[in-house]
């Protein structure tokens, strides 16, 4: 009986060693690409999306070309000069009261902040940050600032963005309203005059805020915006509405 048990134990050891050897041989026989698959064959880990690539940025933007474009069929303005995010730490968006925002947006972060019409690639210095302007066309009606920051490998939370664009009108347009939605708070100026403030912790909603009646003058008009966010996504959408509540589409947009 003792010899039989010893024989069984010996055979089990042999089987395990044989099985291990066969597995090792099979693994070594695999082609090199099976042991080290190309990175493109599998999606990157979720953590990797915190550092985007230019390809990923291209899902949301294209480089703006010289010349002019029209608003989309719903009147949304998609061509912008966008400044890389300014560091503005906020752990919560509940601080975005009217008084806080006016103080924050009135602060001078860079030279000629309220009058500059930058060129694509121009750089400004904000504290220790050196930030560049980018002339871009949004592929979506809402301009994805979070995706822009991530695609450029910049900070995505606790940020302040500046946006500028040029609106050209064939004639004076009276009694139009500026319409905007933003995530989170934002302030907007037309030809140097404040036209809309969206305060509080809010999500981006189309036509979330409407200005008083305005006049878009014949020729060039400068539209400028500042968008601030703590935690969460950042984006905005803007358009002009005529006196009948219809989107204004007979204008052109440029960054020069």
Protein backbone atom coordinates (compact mmCIF):
# COMPACT_ATOMS: atom_id res chain seq x y z
CA UNK A 1 0.00 0.00 0.00
CA UNK A 2 2.82 2.34 0.88
CA UNK A 3 4.62 1.67 -2.44
CA UNK A 4 1.42 2.39 -4.40
CA UNK A 5 0.92 5.76 -2.72
CA UNK A 6 4.56 6.65 -3.32
CA UNK A 7 4.19 5.72 -6.99
CA UNK A 8 1.11 7.94 -7.37
CA UNK A 9 2.86 10.90 -5.76
CA UNK A 10 5.87 10.45 -8.06
CA UNK A 11 3.64 10.32 -11.16
CA UNK A 12 1.81 13.53 -10.08
CA UNK A 13 5.10 15.39 -9.74
CA UNK A 14 6.19 14.19 -13.19
CA UNK A 15 2.85 15.31 -14.73
CA UNK A 16 3.12 18.77 -13.18
CA UNK A 17 6.69 19.24 -14.37
CA UNK A 18 5.80 17.99 -17.83
CA UNK A 19 2.79 20.30 -18.04
CA UNK A 20 4.87 23.29 -16.94
CA UNK A 21 7.54 22.50 -19.51
CA UNK A 22 4.93 22.19 -22.27
CA UNK A 23 3.37 25.55 -21.34
CA UNK A 24 6.78 27.22 -21.29
CA UNK A 25 7.67 25.76 -24.68
CA UNK A 26 4.37 26.90 -26.17
CA UNK A 27 4.85 30.43 -24.83
CA UNK A 28 8.36 30.67 -26.25
CA UNK A 29 7.07 29.46 -29.59
CA UNK A 30 4.60 32.39 -29.90
CA UNK A 31 5.53 35.06 -32.44
CA UNK A 32 7.12 38.17 -31.03
CA UNK A 33 4.08 40.37 -31.77
CA UNK A 34 1.87 38.02 -29.70
CA UNK A 35 4.08 38.45 -26.65
CA UNK A 36 4.48 42.19 -27.24
CA UNK A 37 1.42 43.33 -29.20
CA UNK A 38 1.61 46.67 -31.00
CA UNK A 39 0.26 49.48 -28.87
CA UNK A 40 -2.31 50.37 -31.51
CA UNK A 41 -4.01 46.98 -31.31
CA UNK A 42 -5.45 47.64 -27.87
CA UNK A 43 -7.06 50.76 -26.38
CA UNK A 44 -4.83 52.61 -23.92
CA UNK A 45 -5.70 52.35 -20.25
CA UNK A 46 -8.31 54.83 -19.04
CA UNK A 47 -5.67 56.78 -17.14
CA UNK A 48 -3.88 57.51 -20.41
CA UNK A 49 -6.67 59.80 -21.59
CA UNK A 50 -5.54 62.40 -19.07
CA UNK A 51 -2.71 63.15 -21.48
CA UNK A 52 -4.18 63.48 -24.93
CA UNK A 53 -2.44 63.31 -28.27
CA UNK A 54 -2.81 65.63 -31.27
CA UNK A 55 -4.87 62.90 -32.91
CA UNK A 56 -7.30 62.94 -30.03
CA UNK A 57 -7.46 66.75 -30.17
CA UNK A 58 -8.39 66.44 -33.85
CA UNK A 59 -11.64 64.77 -32.82
CA UNK A 60 -12.83 68.21 -31.66
CA UNK A 61 -10.87 70.85 -33.59
CA UNK A 62 -9.23 71.66 -36.88
CA UNK A 63 -6.69 74.41 -37.48
CA UNK A 64 -8.42 77.53 -38.73
CA UNK A 65 -7.44 78.65 -42.21
CA UNK A 66 -6.97 82.28 -43.34
CA UNK A 67 -10.09 83.91 -44.67
CA UNK A 68 -13.63 83.76 -43.37
CA UNK A 69 -16.25 81.16 -42.53
CA UNK A 70 -19.96 81.37 -41.83
CA UNK A 71 -21.77 80.30 -38.69
CA UNK A 72 -23.23 76.82 -38.87
CA UNK A 73 -26.84 76.32 -39.95
CA UNK A 74 -28.02 77.05 -36.40
CA UNK A 75 -25.97 80.21 -36.13
CA UNK A 76 -23.30 78.88 -33.77
CA UNK A 77 -19.88 80.50 -34.02
CA UNK A 78 -17.14 77.89 -34.33
CA UNK A 79 -14.00 79.83 -35.33
CA UNK A 80 -11.98 81.14 -32.39
CA UNK A 81 -8.64 82.28 -31.12
CA UNK A 82 -8.29 80.35 -27.86
CA UNK A 83 -5.66 80.98 -25.20
CA UNK A 84 -4.21 78.04 -23.34
CA UNK A 85 -5.70 77.80 -19.84
CA UNK A 86 -4.62 80.19 -17.11
CA UNK A 87 -4.09 78.58 -13.73
CA UNK A 88 -6.98 79.69 -11.50
CA UNK A 89 -7.45 77.10 -8.71
CA UNK A 90 -10.98 76.65 -7.38
CA UNK A 91 -12.02 73.51 -5.53
CA UNK A 92 -15.68 74.32 -6.02
CA UNK A 93 -17.73 76.24 -8.57
CA UNK A 94 -20.05 77.58 -5.87
CA UNK A 95 -17.76 80.60 -5.49
CA UNK A 96 -18.76 81.91 -8.93
CA UNK A 97 -20.96 84.73 -7.69
CA UNK A 98 -21.39 87.93 -9.69
CA UNK A 99 -19.01 89.85 -7.42
CA UNK A 100 -16.34 87.12 -7.52
CA UNK A 101 -16.54 86.86 -11.30
CA UNK A 102 -16.36 90.60 -11.91
CA UNK A 103 -13.28 90.86 -9.72
CA UNK A 104 -11.71 87.82 -11.39
CA UNK A 105 -12.49 88.87 -14.97
CA UNK A 106 -11.43 92.48 -14.33
CA UNK A 107 -8.00 91.30 -13.14
CA UNK A 108 -5.29 91.99 -15.69
CA UNK A 109 -3.59 88.67 -16.48
CA UNK A 110 -1.68 89.74 -19.59
CA UNK A 111 -0.92 92.91 -21.55
CA UNK A 112 -3.77 94.41 -23.60
CA UNK A 113 -6.09 91.73 -22.30
CA UNK A 114 -9.28 93.58 -23.26
CA UNK A 115 -8.12 94.97 -26.59
CA UNK A 116 -5.73 92.42 -28.05
CA UNK A 117 -6.50 90.67 -31.31
CA UNK A 118 -3.75 88.05 -31.17
CA UNK A 119 -2.26 86.14 -34.05
CA UNK A 120 -2.21 82.38 -34.19
CA UNK A 121 0.80 81.21 -32.19
CA UNK A 122 1.31 84.45 -30.27
CA UNK A 123 2.37 83.92 -26.67
CA UNK A 124 1.64 85.78 -23.47
CA UNK A 125 3.11 85.48 -20.01
CA UNK A 126 0.76 85.07 -17.07
CA UNK A 127 2.74 84.85 -13.86
CA UNK A 128 5.12 81.96 -14.40
CA UNK A 129 3.04 80.54 -17.25
CA UNK A 130 3.87 81.07 -20.93
CA UNK A 131 0.66 80.50 -22.88
CA UNK A 132 -0.03 80.39 -26.60
CA UNK A 133 -3.00 81.45 -28.69
CA UNK A 134 -4.48 78.88 -31.09
CA UNK A 135 -6.66 79.68 -34.11
CA UNK A 136 -9.10 76.78 -34.29
CA UNK A 137 -12.40 75.71 -35.79
CA UNK A 138 -14.59 73.65 -33.51
CA UNK A 139 -16.04 70.52 -35.09
CA UNK A 140 -18.99 70.78 -32.72
CA UNK A 141 -21.39 73.64 -32.04
CA UNK A 142 -20.00 73.76 -28.49
CA UNK A 143 -16.32 74.57 -28.12
CA UNK A 144 -14.75 71.85 -25.97
CA UNK A 145 -12.23 73.72 -23.82
CA UNK A 146 -11.57 70.72 -21.59
CA UNK A 147 -10.58 68.69 -24.67
CA UNK A 148 -8.42 71.54 -25.91
CA UNK A 149 -6.50 71.70 -22.64
CA UNK A 150 -6.14 67.93 -22.44
CA UNK A 151 -5.05 67.68 -26.07
CA UNK A 152 -2.35 70.28 -25.48
CA UNK A 153 -1.29 68.50 -22.29
CA UNK A 154 -2.31 71.46 -20.14
CA UNK A 155 -4.19 71.52 -16.87
CA UNK A 156 -7.90 70.80 -17.22
CA UNK A 157 -9.27 71.81 -13.79
CA UNK A 158 -9.04 75.11 -11.95
CA UNK A 159 -8.69 77.06 -15.18
CA UNK A 160 -9.57 80.34 -16.87
CA UNK A 161 -9.86 80.46 -20.67
CA UNK A 162 -9.91 83.50 -22.97
CA UNK A 163 -11.55 83.40 -26.39
CA UNK A 164 -11.60 85.99 -29.19
CA UNK A 165 -13.19 86.06 -32.63
CA UNK A 166 -14.03 88.59 -35.34
CA UNK A 167 -17.58 89.02 -36.64
CA UNK A 168 -18.01 90.78 -39.99
CA UNK A 169 -21.45 92.14 -40.92
CA UNK A 170 -22.59 93.27 -44.39
CA UNK A 171 -24.69 96.04 -42.78
CA UNK A 172 -25.78 97.31 -39.38
CA UNK A 173 -27.90 94.71 -37.59
CA UNK A 174 -30.10 96.21 -34.93
CA UNK A 175 -32.08 94.56 -32.16
CA UNK A 176 -30.01 91.37 -32.14
CA UNK A 177 -29.30 89.48 -28.95
CA UNK A 178 -26.14 87.67 -27.99
CA UNK A 179 -26.87 84.15 -26.73
CA UNK A 180 -24.48 81.95 -24.78
CA UNK A 181 -24.18 78.81 -22.72
CA UNK A 182 -21.07 77.82 -20.78
CA UNK A 183 -19.64 75.33 -18.35
CA UNK A 184 -19.04 76.81 -15.91
CA UNK A 185 -19.28 80.62 -15.51
CA UNK A 186 -18.41 83.12 -18.23
CA UNK A 187 -18.43 86.79 -19.23
CA UNK A 188 -18.71 88.19 -22.77
CA UNK A 189 -17.79 91.51 -24.39
CA UNK A 190 -18.75 92.89 -27.81
CA UNK A 191 -16.56 95.69 -29.16
CA UNK A 192 -15.18 96.26 -25.66
CA UNK A 193 -18.58 96.47 -23.94
CA UNK A 194 -19.84 93.84 -21.52
CA UNK A 195 -22.95 92.17 -22.93
CA UNK A 196 -23.52 89.04 -20.81
CA UNK A 197 -22.49 87.44 -17.52
CA UNK A 198 -23.31 83.81 -16.75
CA UNK A 199 -22.59 83.20 -13.07
CA UNK A 200 -22.92 80.28 -10.70
CA UNK A 201 -22.12 76.59 -11.05
CA UNK A 202 -23.80 75.72 -14.32
CA UNK A 203 -23.68 73.23 -17.13
CA UNK A 204 -23.46 74.25 -20.77
CA UNK A 205 -27.01 74.75 -22.08
CA UNK A 206 -27.88 76.26 -25.45
CA UNK A 207 -29.23 79.83 -25.11
CA UNK A 208 -28.75 79.69 -21.34
CA UNK A 209 -28.34 83.46 -21.26
CA UNK A 210 -29.48 86.27 -23.57
CA UNK A 211 -28.12 89.79 -23.72
CA UNK A 212 -30.16 92.95 -24.02
CA UNK A 213 -30.85 94.16 -27.57
CA UNK A 214 -27.62 95.05 -29.35
CA UNK A 215 -26.40 96.42 -32.67
CA UNK A 216 -23.85 94.55 -34.72
CA UNK A 217 -22.23 97.32 -36.71
CA UNK A 218 -21.43 97.12 -40.39
CA UNK A 219 -17.93 95.76 -40.86
CA UNK A 220 -15.79 94.29 -38.11
CA UNK A 221 -16.97 93.48 -34.58
CA UNK A 222 -14.75 91.91 -31.91
CA UNK A 223 -16.34 89.31 -29.65
CA UNK A 224 -14.40 88.35 -26.54
CA UNK A 225 -15.15 85.85 -23.78
CA UNK A 226 -13.69 84.54 -20.52
CA UNK A 227 -14.73 81.12 -19.23
CA UNK A 228 -13.81 79.84 -15.77
CA UNK A 229 -14.18 76.41 -14.19
CA UNK A 230 -12.98 74.55 -11.12
CA UNK A 231 -13.68 70.80 -11.23
CA UNK A 232 -15.57 69.39 -14.21
CA UNK A 233 -15.73 69.81 -17.97
CA UNK A 234 -15.33 73.20 -19.67
CA UNK A 235 -17.06 74.29 -22.87
CA UNK A 236 -19.24 77.01 -24.38
CA UNK A 237 -21.54 77.78 -27.29
CA UNK A 238 -22.54 81.21 -28.61
CA UNK A 239 -24.63 82.72 -31.39
CA UNK A 240 -26.63 85.83 -32.22
CA UNK A 241 -30.41 85.85 -32.46
CA UNK A 242 -32.45 88.33 -34.51
CA UNK A 243 -35.48 90.26 -33.24
CA UNK A 244 -37.73 87.34 -34.26
CA UNK A 245 -35.72 84.88 -32.20
CA UNK A 246 -34.07 83.27 -35.23
CA UNK A 247 -30.31 82.55 -35.47
CA UNK A 248 -28.24 85.16 -37.32
CA UNK A 249 -26.39 83.41 -40.13
CA UNK A 250 -25.66 86.19 -42.66
CA UNK A 251 -22.37 87.14 -41.03
CA UNK A 252 -18.82 85.91 -41.50
CA UNK A 253 -16.23 84.92 -38.92
CA UNK A 254 -12.45 85.19 -38.97
CA UNK A 255 -9.52 85.34 -36.61
CA UNK A 256 -7.67 88.19 -38.33
